[in-house]
N, C-alpha and C. Protein backbone atom coordinates (compact mmCIF):
# COMPACT_ATOMS: atom_id res chain seq x y z
N MET A 1 112.24 127.43 103.18
CA MET A 1 110.97 127.28 103.87
C MET A 1 111.07 127.72 105.34
N ALA A 2 112.23 127.57 105.93
CA ALA A 2 112.36 127.97 107.33
C ALA A 2 112.08 129.46 107.50
N ALA A 3 112.51 130.29 106.53
CA ALA A 3 112.26 131.73 106.61
C ALA A 3 110.75 132.00 106.54
N LEU A 4 110.04 131.28 105.68
CA LEU A 4 108.58 131.40 105.60
C LEU A 4 107.96 131.02 106.94
N GLN A 5 108.40 129.93 107.51
CA GLN A 5 107.86 129.47 108.79
C GLN A 5 108.11 130.51 109.88
N GLU A 6 109.30 131.08 109.90
CA GLU A 6 109.62 132.08 110.91
C GLU A 6 108.76 133.33 110.75
N ARG A 7 108.52 133.74 109.51
CA ARG A 7 107.65 134.90 109.27
C ARG A 7 106.23 134.62 109.73
N LEU A 8 105.70 133.44 109.40
CA LEU A 8 104.34 133.10 109.81
C LEU A 8 104.20 133.06 111.32
N LEU A 9 105.25 132.69 112.02
CA LEU A 9 105.20 132.68 113.48
C LEU A 9 105.05 134.09 114.05
N ARG A 10 105.43 135.11 113.28
CA ARG A 10 105.30 136.50 113.73
C ARG A 10 103.87 137.01 113.64
N VAL A 11 103.01 136.31 112.88
CA VAL A 11 101.63 136.74 112.69
C VAL A 11 100.77 135.98 113.71
N PRO A 12 100.18 136.69 114.66
CA PRO A 12 99.43 136.02 115.73
C PRO A 12 98.40 135.02 115.21
N GLU A 13 98.44 133.83 115.78
CA GLU A 13 97.47 132.76 115.56
C GLU A 13 97.49 132.10 114.18
N VAL A 14 98.36 132.53 113.28
CA VAL A 14 98.37 131.94 111.95
C VAL A 14 99.10 130.59 111.93
N TYR A 15 100.25 130.51 112.59
CA TYR A 15 101.08 129.30 112.56
C TYR A 15 101.49 128.93 113.98
N ARG A 16 100.55 129.05 114.88
CA ARG A 16 100.80 128.80 116.30
C ARG A 16 101.40 127.42 116.49
N ASP A 17 102.48 127.34 117.25
CA ASP A 17 103.19 126.10 117.54
C ASP A 17 103.76 125.43 116.29
N GLY A 18 103.90 126.21 115.21
CA GLY A 18 104.46 125.65 113.98
C GLY A 18 105.96 125.41 114.11
N ARG A 19 106.44 124.54 113.26
CA ARG A 19 107.87 124.20 113.26
C ARG A 19 108.64 125.11 112.30
N THR A 20 109.93 125.19 112.53
CA THR A 20 110.83 125.91 111.61
C THR A 20 111.86 124.92 111.09
N ASP A 21 111.36 123.82 110.54
CA ASP A 21 112.24 122.75 110.07
C ASP A 21 112.48 122.78 108.57
N GLY A 22 111.89 123.77 107.88
CA GLY A 22 112.11 123.90 106.44
C GLY A 22 111.25 123.00 105.57
N ARG A 23 110.30 122.29 106.16
CA ARG A 23 109.45 121.38 105.38
C ARG A 23 108.11 122.04 105.08
N TYR A 24 107.64 121.92 103.84
CA TYR A 24 106.34 122.45 103.45
C TYR A 24 105.32 121.32 103.61
N ASP A 25 104.90 121.13 104.85
CA ASP A 25 103.98 120.04 105.16
C ASP A 25 102.55 120.57 105.25
N ALA A 26 101.62 119.70 105.63
CA ALA A 26 100.20 120.08 105.70
C ALA A 26 99.97 121.22 106.69
N THR A 27 100.68 121.22 107.81
CA THR A 27 100.51 122.29 108.81
C THR A 27 100.91 123.64 108.24
N LEU A 28 102.01 123.67 107.52
CA LEU A 28 102.47 124.92 106.91
C LEU A 28 101.51 125.35 105.80
N ARG A 29 101.07 124.42 104.99
CA ARG A 29 100.12 124.73 103.92
C ARG A 29 98.83 125.34 104.50
N GLU A 30 98.36 124.77 105.61
CA GLU A 30 97.17 125.30 106.28
C GLU A 30 97.42 126.70 106.84
N ALA A 31 98.61 126.93 107.36
CA ALA A 31 98.94 128.26 107.89
C ALA A 31 98.99 129.29 106.76
N VAL A 32 99.54 128.91 105.63
CA VAL A 32 99.57 129.81 104.48
C VAL A 32 98.14 130.12 104.03
N ALA A 33 97.30 129.09 103.95
CA ALA A 33 95.90 129.29 103.57
C ALA A 33 95.18 130.20 104.56
N ARG A 34 95.44 130.02 105.85
CA ARG A 34 94.84 130.86 106.89
C ARG A 34 95.27 132.31 106.71
N PHE A 35 96.56 132.52 106.49
CA PHE A 35 97.07 133.88 106.27
C PHE A 35 96.40 134.50 105.04
N GLN A 36 96.29 133.74 103.97
CA GLN A 36 95.66 134.25 102.75
C GLN A 36 94.22 134.67 103.01
N LEU A 37 93.50 133.84 103.73
CA LEU A 37 92.09 134.12 104.04
C LEU A 37 91.97 135.35 104.94
N TRP A 38 92.71 135.38 106.03
CA TRP A 38 92.60 136.46 107.01
C TRP A 38 93.04 137.81 106.47
N TYR A 39 94.03 137.80 105.55
CA TYR A 39 94.57 139.05 105.05
C TYR A 39 94.15 139.35 103.62
N GLY A 40 93.17 138.60 103.10
CA GLY A 40 92.60 138.89 101.79
C GLY A 40 93.55 138.73 100.62
N VAL A 41 94.48 137.80 100.72
CA VAL A 41 95.45 137.59 99.64
C VAL A 41 94.76 136.84 98.50
N ARG A 42 94.87 137.42 97.32
CA ARG A 42 94.32 136.80 96.12
C ARG A 42 95.44 136.69 95.09
N GLY A 43 95.29 135.79 94.16
CA GLY A 43 96.29 135.66 93.10
C GLY A 43 97.08 134.37 93.18
N ASP A 44 97.16 133.78 94.35
CA ASP A 44 97.83 132.48 94.52
C ASP A 44 96.78 131.45 94.91
N GLU A 45 97.03 130.21 94.53
CA GLU A 45 96.12 129.14 94.95
C GLU A 45 96.12 129.06 96.47
N THR A 46 95.01 128.64 97.03
CA THR A 46 94.89 128.50 98.48
C THR A 46 95.96 127.55 99.00
N GLY A 47 96.72 128.04 99.97
CA GLY A 47 97.77 127.23 100.59
C GLY A 47 99.09 127.23 99.85
N VAL A 48 99.16 127.95 98.73
CA VAL A 48 100.39 128.01 97.93
C VAL A 48 101.10 129.33 98.23
N TYR A 49 102.38 129.22 98.55
CA TYR A 49 103.19 130.41 98.85
C TYR A 49 103.77 130.96 97.55
N GLY A 50 102.93 131.73 96.85
CA GLY A 50 103.34 132.36 95.60
C GLY A 50 103.72 133.82 95.82
N ASP A 51 103.90 134.53 94.71
CA ASP A 51 104.36 135.92 94.77
C ASP A 51 103.42 136.84 95.54
N ASP A 52 102.11 136.70 95.33
CA ASP A 52 101.17 137.58 96.02
C ASP A 52 101.18 137.34 97.53
N THR A 53 101.24 136.07 97.91
CA THR A 53 101.30 135.73 99.34
C THR A 53 102.60 136.21 99.95
N ARG A 54 103.70 136.03 99.23
CA ARG A 54 105.00 136.47 99.73
C ARG A 54 105.00 137.97 99.98
N ARG A 55 104.50 138.74 99.01
CA ARG A 55 104.48 140.21 99.17
C ARG A 55 103.62 140.61 100.37
N ALA A 56 102.46 139.99 100.52
CA ALA A 56 101.58 140.32 101.65
C ALA A 56 102.24 139.96 102.97
N LEU A 57 102.86 138.81 103.03
CA LEU A 57 103.51 138.39 104.27
C LEU A 57 104.68 139.30 104.60
N GLU A 58 105.47 139.67 103.60
CA GLU A 58 106.57 140.61 103.83
C GLU A 58 106.03 141.94 104.33
N SER A 59 104.93 142.38 103.77
CA SER A 59 104.33 143.65 104.18
C SER A 59 103.91 143.62 105.66
N HIS A 60 103.44 142.47 106.11
CA HIS A 60 102.97 142.33 107.50
C HIS A 60 104.09 141.98 108.48
N THR A 61 105.24 141.60 107.97
CA THR A 61 106.31 141.15 108.88
C THR A 61 107.63 141.88 108.66
N GLY A 62 107.62 142.98 107.94
CA GLY A 62 108.81 143.80 107.90
C GLY A 62 109.64 143.79 106.64
N GLY A 63 109.07 143.56 105.49
CA GLY A 63 109.83 143.69 104.26
C GLY A 63 110.44 142.39 103.79
N PRO A 64 111.24 142.47 102.73
CA PRO A 64 111.84 141.27 102.14
C PRO A 64 112.67 140.48 103.13
N GLU A 65 112.90 139.23 102.77
CA GLU A 65 113.64 138.31 103.63
C GLU A 65 114.92 138.96 104.15
N GLY A 66 115.12 138.80 105.43
CA GLY A 66 116.34 139.33 106.04
C GLY A 66 116.15 140.69 106.69
N GLU A 67 115.09 141.42 106.32
CA GLU A 67 114.84 142.73 106.91
C GLU A 67 113.95 142.56 108.14
N GLU A 68 114.23 143.33 109.13
CA GLU A 68 113.43 143.32 110.35
C GLU A 68 112.35 144.38 110.27
N PRO A 69 111.23 144.19 110.96
CA PRO A 69 110.18 145.21 110.96
C PRO A 69 110.69 146.53 111.52
N ALA A 70 110.14 147.63 111.02
CA ALA A 70 110.57 148.96 111.49
C ALA A 70 109.93 149.29 112.81
């Protein structure tokens, strides 16, 4: 979860002041839902970090986990 939190912090205003403690709490769930709404992610339940959300987030933040943006 910490990697998800770190990625969301790279997207302006989505997870502002969010923690990178590895917990999937209400704040993180809301940030995921916000990202889904703002970037038109469909296929995952609102606030759920599923495959479609993961792919969209990777696309906006530089590829699969561990890769830096180009």
